[in-house]
Protein backbone atom coordinates (compact mmCIF):
# COMPACT_ATOMS: atom_id res chain seq x y z
CA MET A 1 23.60 -14.19 -12.84
CA ALA A 2 22.86 -13.96 -9.15
CA SER A 3 22.06 -16.79 -7.30
CA SER A 4 18.57 -16.84 -5.96
CA PRO A 5 16.45 -19.61 -3.78
CA SER A 6 13.35 -20.84 -5.08
CA PRO A 7 10.35 -18.61 -3.86
CA ALA A 8 9.20 -22.23 -1.74
CA ARG A 9 12.89 -21.98 -0.15
CA ALA A 10 13.35 -18.39 0.20
CA ILE A 11 10.16 -17.23 1.95
CA THR A 12 8.87 -19.34 5.34
CA GLY A 13 6.46 -18.67 7.81
CA SER A 14 2.68 -17.66 7.51
CA LEU A 15 0.86 -15.35 4.52
CA THR A 16 -0.07 -12.71 7.49
CA ALA A 17 3.53 -12.22 8.19
CA LEU A 18 4.63 -12.22 4.86
CA ILE A 19 1.76 -9.25 3.98
CA ALA A 20 3.24 -7.49 7.05
CA ALA A 21 6.71 -7.63 5.92
CA SER A 22 5.85 -6.52 2.33
CA ALA A 23 3.53 -3.67 3.49
CA LEU A 24 6.63 -2.61 5.90
CA ALA A 25 8.92 -2.68 2.44
CA LEU A 26 6.23 -0.43 0.26
CA ALA A 27 6.20 2.06 2.83
CA GLY A 28 9.83 2.40 2.97
CA CYS A 29 9.74 2.74 -0.80
CA ALA A 30 6.71 4.84 -0.92
CA GLN A 31 8.49 7.56 -2.93
CA ALA A 32 10.20 4.98 -5.24
CA ALA A 33 14.17 6.18 -4.68
CA PRO A 34 16.08 4.00 -6.70
CA ASP A 35 17.95 0.99 -4.72
CA THR A 36 21.41 0.49 -6.47
CA ALA A 37 22.00 -3.50 -7.31
CA LYS A 38 25.10 -5.34 -6.59
CA ASP A 39 27.67 -4.79 -9.54
CA GLU A 40 26.21 -7.52 -11.85
CA THR A 41 28.42 -6.37 -14.99
CA SER A 42 31.04 -8.17 -16.83
CA GLY A 43 33.75 -5.78 -16.81
CA ALA A 44 33.12 -5.39 -20.65
CA SER A 45 32.55 -1.61 -22.12
CA ALA A 46 28.82 -0.78 -22.01
CA ALA A 47 26.87 -1.04 -24.82
CA VAL A 48 24.68 1.99 -24.42
CA ALA A 49 25.23 4.89 -22.83
CA PRO A 50 23.45 8.30 -22.11
CA PRO A 51 21.03 9.96 -23.70
CA THR A 52 20.14 6.24 -24.71
CA ILE A 53 20.10 5.46 -20.69
CA ILE A 54 19.60 7.88 -18.06
CA LYS A 55 22.99 7.76 -16.09
CA GLU A 56 26.23 6.36 -17.31
CA GLY A 57 26.96 2.83 -16.73
CA THR A 58 23.61 1.94 -15.45
CA LEU A 59 20.60 0.52 -16.42
CA THR A 60 17.84 1.90 -14.26
CA VAL A 61 14.74 -0.55 -14.03
CA CYS A 62 11.18 0.51 -12.60
CA THR A 63 9.94 -2.43 -11.09
CA GLY A 64 7.13 -3.45 -8.63
CA ASP A 65 6.71 -5.91 -5.78
CA SER A 66 4.73 -9.10 -7.16
CA ALA A 67 5.61 -12.45 -5.77
CA PRO A 68 6.59 -14.58 -6.94
CA ASN A 69 8.68 -12.69 -10.03
CA ILE A 70 9.53 -9.90 -7.83
CA TYR A 71 9.17 -9.62 -4.11
CA TYR A 72 11.25 -8.44 -0.91
CA ASP A 73 13.42 -11.04 0.92
CA GLU A 74 14.17 -10.72 4.81
CA ASN A 75 16.64 -8.83 4.21
CA ASN A 76 14.26 -6.09 2.50
CA GLU A 77 15.63 -6.41 -0.84
CA LEU A 78 13.94 -7.22 -3.95
CA GLN A 79 14.48 -10.60 -5.75
CA GLY A 80 12.91 -12.86 -7.87
CA VAL A 81 13.02 -14.32 -11.46
CA GLU A 82 12.28 -10.66 -12.89
CA ILE A 83 15.32 -9.28 -10.94
CA ASP A 84 17.35 -12.05 -12.04
CA ILE A 85 16.63 -11.51 -15.62
CA ALA A 86 17.31 -7.48 -15.10
CA ASN A 87 20.50 -8.08 -13.69
CA ALA A 88 21.39 -10.55 -16.43
CA LEU A 89 20.56 -8.31 -19.06
CA ALA A 90 22.47 -5.37 -17.80
CA LYS A 91 25.54 -7.58 -17.39
CA GLN A 92 25.07 -8.57 -20.77
CA LEU A 93 25.14 -4.71 -21.78
CA GLY A 94 28.47 -4.17 -19.65
CA LEU A 95 25.98 -2.17 -17.01
CA THR A 96 24.91 -2.19 -13.41
CA THR A 97 21.43 -2.39 -12.19
CA THR A 98 19.38 0.22 -10.15
CA LEU A 99 16.09 -0.72 -9.21
CA GLY A 100 13.00 1.39 -8.17
CA GLU A 101 10.16 0.16 -7.16
CA TYR A 102 6.51 1.88 -7.64
CA ALA A 103 3.30 1.04 -7.35
CA PHE A 104 2.00 -0.68 -10.36
CA ALA A 105 -0.15 1.99 -12.10
CA GLY A 106 2.75 4.49 -11.57
CA LEU A 107 5.42 2.11 -13.83
CA ILE A 108 4.31 3.57 -17.01
CA PRO A 109 4.25 7.30 -15.85
CA ALA A 110 7.49 6.57 -14.36
CA LEU A 111 9.13 5.50 -17.77
CA GLN A 112 7.33 8.51 -19.38
CA ALA A 113 8.84 10.59 -16.82
CA LYS A 114 12.27 9.37 -17.48
CA GLN A 115 12.49 8.05 -13.94
CA CYS A 116 13.87 5.12 -15.48
CA ASP A 117 15.22 3.31 -18.37
CA VAL A 118 12.93 0.40 -18.69
CA ILE A 119 10.15 -1.24 -16.85
CA MET A 120 10.45 -4.70 -15.77
CA GLY A 121 7.76 -5.31 -13.18
CA SER A 122 5.14 -7.89 -14.64
CA LEU A 123 3.71 -5.59 -17.07
CA TYR A 124 1.82 -7.46 -19.77
CA ILE A 125 2.48 -6.93 -23.40
CA LYS A 126 -1.07 -5.07 -24.70
CA PRO A 127 -1.74 -3.48 -27.64
CA GLU A 128 -2.77 0.05 -25.50
CA ARG A 129 1.14 -0.23 -24.00
CA GLU A 130 2.58 -0.91 -27.32
CA GLU A 131 1.45 2.68 -28.49
CA ILE A 132 3.57 4.30 -25.76
CA ALA A 133 6.34 1.64 -25.37
CA ASN A 134 8.40 -1.02 -27.31
CA PHE A 135 8.78 -4.52 -25.50
CA VAL A 136 11.34 -7.28 -25.52
CA PRO A 137 9.22 -10.15 -24.21
CA TYR A 138 11.01 -12.38 -21.30
CA LEU A 139 7.92 -14.69 -19.81
CA TYR A 140 4.72 -15.78 -20.47
CA SER A 141 1.79 -15.16 -17.81
CA GLY A 142 -2.00 -15.55 -17.40
CA THR A 143 -4.84 -14.72 -15.25
CA ALA A 144 -6.25 -16.30 -12.47
CA VAL A 145 -8.95 -16.22 -9.90
CA SER A 146 -8.22 -16.81 -6.03
CA VAL A 147 -10.79 -16.78 -3.34
CA ASN A 148 -10.81 -17.33 0.52
CA LYS A 149 -10.80 -21.38 1.11
CA ALA A 150 -14.39 -20.81 2.67
CA ASN A 151 -15.57 -19.32 -0.58
CA PRO A 152 -18.83 -18.59 0.94
CA LYS A 153 -20.38 -17.09 -2.54
CA LYS A 154 -19.32 -20.50 -4.38
CA ILE A 155 -17.14 -18.73 -6.87
CA THR A 156 -15.99 -21.44 -9.41
CA GLY A 157 -13.65 -19.27 -11.64
CA PHE A 158 -13.64 -16.53 -14.18
CA ASP A 159 -17.43 -17.18 -14.84
CA ASP A 160 -20.92 -15.85 -14.02
CA SER A 161 -20.44 -17.01 -10.46
CA LEU A 162 -18.43 -13.68 -10.09
CA CYS A 163 -21.88 -11.53 -11.17
CA GLY A 164 -22.80 -9.78 -8.06
CA THR A 165 -19.70 -10.50 -5.86
CA LYS A 166 -16.89 -8.32 -4.50
CA VAL A 167 -13.88 -8.66 -6.34
CA VAL A 168 -10.33 -7.02 -5.62
CA ALA A 169 -7.72 -6.13 -7.95
CA ILE A 170 -4.73 -4.53 -8.97
CA ASN A 171 -5.22 -0.74 -10.10
CA GLY A 172 -3.98 -0.73 -13.92
CA ALA A 173 -3.57 -4.67 -14.09
CA THR A 174 -5.11 -6.78 -16.40
CA GLY A 175 -6.92 -8.49 -13.65
CA ALA A 176 -8.78 -5.22 -12.89
CA SER A 177 -9.68 -5.01 -16.50
CA SER A 178 -11.13 -8.51 -16.82
CA ALA A 179 -13.22 -7.99 -13.63
CA GLN A 180 -14.86 -5.02 -15.59
CA GLU A 181 -15.23 -6.91 -18.67
CA LYS A 182 -16.94 -9.89 -16.74
CA SER A 183 -18.77 -7.22 -14.99
CA ASP A 184 -20.29 -5.54 -18.17
CA GLU A 185 -21.10 -8.93 -19.49
CA CYS A 186 -23.35 -9.89 -16.22
CA VAL A 187 -25.00 -6.55 -16.48
CA ALA A 188 -25.53 -7.40 -20.46
CA ALA A 189 -27.13 -10.83 -19.26
CA GLY A 190 -29.70 -9.19 -16.57
CA GLU A 191 -27.14 -10.18 -13.72
CA GLN A 192 -25.99 -7.76 -11.08
CA ALA A 193 -22.82 -6.05 -11.73
CA ILE A 194 -19.39 -6.93 -10.03
CA ASN A 195 -18.44 -4.52 -7.12
CA ILE A 196 -14.86 -4.05 -8.15
CA THR A 197 -12.38 -2.68 -5.71
CA LEU A 198 -8.94 -1.62 -6.75
CA VAL A 199 -5.81 -1.23 -4.69
CA ASP A 200 -2.04 -0.82 -5.73
CA GLU A 201 -0.56 -4.04 -4.31
CA ALA A 202 -1.45 -7.93 -4.18
CA THR A 203 -0.85 -7.72 -0.46
CA SER A 204 -3.71 -5.33 0.42
CA ALA A 205 -5.85 -7.49 -2.16
CA LEU A 206 -5.23 -10.52 -0.34
CA GLN A 207 -5.87 -9.09 3.26
CA GLN A 208 -9.48 -8.04 1.93
CA VAL A 209 -10.15 -11.88 0.91
CA LEU A 210 -8.42 -13.36 3.52
CA ALA A 211 -10.98 -11.48 6.41
CA GLN A 212 -13.35 -11.86 3.80
CA GLN A 213 -14.27 -8.43 2.76
CA ALA A 214 -13.92 -9.07 -0.80
CA ASP A 215 -15.05 -12.62 -2.25
CA ALA A 216 -12.14 -13.07 -4.78
CA PHE A 217 -9.32 -11.73 -6.12
CA ILE A 218 -8.25 -11.45 -10.01
CA ASP A 219 -4.50 -11.33 -11.08
CA THR A 220 -1.51 -13.24 -12.50
CA THR A 221 -1.60 -17.00 -12.45
CA GLU A 222 1.73 -16.38 -10.70
CA ILE A 223 0.77 -14.10 -7.96
CA VAL A 224 -2.47 -16.21 -7.50
CA SER A 225 -0.42 -19.59 -7.23
CA TYR A 226 2.17 -18.23 -5.30
CA TYR A 227 -0.08 -17.11 -2.51
CA GLU A 228 -2.10 -20.07 -2.43
CA GLN A 229 1.08 -21.77 -1.36
CA GLN A 230 2.27 -19.22 1.08
CA SER A 231 -1.19 -19.26 2.67
CA ASP A 232 -1.33 -22.75 3.74
CA GLY A 233 -4.66 -23.48 1.90
CA GLU A 234 -6.55 -20.13 3.39
CA LEU A 235 -6.35 -19.01 -0.12
CA ILE A 236 -7.54 -21.12 -3.17
CA ALA A 237 -7.62 -20.94 -6.98
CA VAL A 238 -10.92 -21.87 -8.51
CA GLY A 239 -11.29 -22.59 -12.04
CA GLU A 240 -9.03 -22.76 -14.74
CA PRO A 241 -6.53 -19.85 -15.87
CA PHE A 242 -7.24 -17.87 -18.80
CA GLY A 243 -5.76 -15.16 -21.12
CA LYS A 244 -2.42 -16.51 -21.58
CA ILE A 245 0.01 -13.08 -22.35
CA ARG A 246 3.53 -12.22 -22.85
CA ILE A 247 5.20 -10.23 -20.27
CA GLY A 248 8.07 -7.86 -21.31
CA ALA A 249 10.83 -5.03 -21.00
CA ALA A 250 9.24 -1.54 -22.02
CA THR A 251 11.22 1.16 -23.27
CA LEU A 252 9.81 4.59 -24.49
CA LYS A 253 8.64 4.40 -28.10
CA ASP A 254 11.50 6.52 -29.50
CA ASN A 255 14.32 4.88 -27.46
CA THR A 256 14.56 2.22 -30.34
CA GLU A 257 18.27 2.02 -29.40
CA LEU A 258 17.70 0.68 -26.11
CA ASN A 259 15.04 -1.60 -27.38
CA ASP A 260 17.29 -3.32 -29.88
CA ALA A 261 20.05 -3.28 -27.45
CA LEU A 262 17.90 -5.34 -24.86
CA ASP A 263 16.66 -7.35 -27.57
CA GLU A 264 20.24 -8.61 -28.58
CA ALA A 265 21.02 -8.77 -25.14
CA PHE A 266 18.27 -11.01 -24.20
CA GLN A 267 18.91 -13.37 -27.46
CA ALA A 268 22.52 -13.48 -25.90
CA LEU A 269 20.95 -15.19 -22.52
CA VAL A 270 18.97 -17.51 -24.63
CA ASP A 271 21.70 -18.47 -26.67
CA ASP A 272 24.31 -19.22 -23.75
CA GLY A 273 21.62 -20.86 -21.37
CA THR A 274 21.44 -18.11 -19.00
CA TYR A 275 17.64 -17.46 -19.21
CA HIS A 276 16.77 -21.21 -18.95
CA GLU A 277 19.01 -21.19 -15.82
CA ILE A 278 17.18 -18.37 -14.24
CA LEU A 279 14.01 -19.74 -15.11
CA ALA A 280 14.98 -23.32 -13.63
CA GLU A 281 16.06 -21.64 -10.24
CA TRP A 282 12.50 -20.41 -9.75
CA GLY A 283 11.06 -23.19 -10.94
CA VAL A 284 8.97 -21.01 -13.63
CA GLU A 285 10.33 -23.21 -16.76
CA SER A 286 6.43 -23.20 -18.26
CA ASN A 287 6.89 -19.48 -18.39
CA ASP A 288 9.23 -19.87 -21.05
CA ILE A 289 9.17 -17.07 -23.55
CA THR A 290 10.94 -18.94 -26.25
CA GLN A 291 8.24 -21.78 -26.16
CA PRO A 292 5.24 -22.06 -28.92
CA GLU A 293 2.36 -19.65 -27.50
């Protein structure tokens, strides 16, 4: 397992600087060209080979920029708890890891186009996704609401206080569908609909909330908590988190061999303690998928 500092130690400075760095890193990866990670193999013979995987000796991973689970460090390299899990799984399989970054909405299309073997990019396990992919769960997550500390619309959480407000969410993410569901509820109750703006990255959403161009941001509990910390209180979470759900490694539905191999590899990481060491390193023990839901 590659040693990684906690997000609080690894990233310093203002949220503005972090947003600028993330936007610059995203621009540099606009074509999602895979970025080969360090050799993480154990030296053992590979457990899988083409055509189960795209490239001999390599686990090609579609991922994204979704702090704190996945983000760019000061060296413009992706790191985070999901990157460490991906590297550990590849090592268990006797493979190296190649990462390709995509906008969230592009993750599943990239997998379907066989540009990668597996998605590990804060992808929630949902019934409609299970129709096209198999999953190996590795983290719990949830959804939360974030606002500017001024909070002029007095939003109190994922409730009717969102009716008639401007909400920004990530295209294709659960926060976006949650916002639409709440908007439909508002209309059904005779209230104003929510004005929803969709963007590709959390940093773009947060810029809008900071500039008060949007009233609220809806996304994962991890992202909301992380940017609340990084903003020095300029962004705050309101209300209670909702919709506890599993995050998993997604493989094509017909690639059962890779799914089975990843499932066995993950169980090995749990059994030998590697998985829990990774969670502890990043301070996300509460996201432990091995605990009761």
